[in-house]
Amino acid sequence: MALGEKKTSYWGQSYGTYLGAVYASLFPDRADRVVLEGNVDPRKVWAHATDNWGKGMADRFPDAARLAAAQDAVLGLGSTADEVARNYLALADRLDRTPAPVPGAGVALAGSMLRNVTYSLLLHNETLPVLAQFWSAAAHLADGALTETARCCSRSSPRRRPRRECLPTTRPPCSWH
């Protein structure tokens, strides 16, 4: 082998699970430890892989909605998981119709971006709190209101970190509609 090793250990996620499985099948004498996480269906690689993403998001979304509802006093996203879900869908629809400009970024937050970020942050337990904060910030942007953090960061140099006073510990509730 190129690295001088007789066997290869491999860790693959998502599409990497397909690559790892194919490698281990073709070269079983060269595969040592193989860890496959978030396996894809080999019969659906790329052509139909995204068919299952909606189901995965639907199964996982309630976890994030419950977390956001538990922080309603800070985030203002709804006091129940069902209310958070309804408000999220309304926000996505609203951003589809009218994307919200992101100050200093030269881009606008559209519904598709909200859904893509949501999907990405639903993948790991440790990113669920970040997701709830993202939803709150997105709602503020859609309202045309900056959070204190965004206001402070938009005045900062892009090469420097925001000042400590720019990082509030709470956010005021936002309106979703």
Foldseek 3Di string as FASTA:
>chain_A
DVVPDQADEEEAEEVGLVVQVVCCVVCVRRYDHYHYYHYFDVVPPPVCRCVCLVVVCVVQLLVLLQVLLVVCQFLVQHNHSVSNVVLLVLLQVLQQVPFFDQQPPPDTHHSVNLVVVSSVQSPDPVSSVVNSNVSSQSQCRSVVHHWLLSVQVSPDDPVDDGDPVSDDPGTHHGDSD
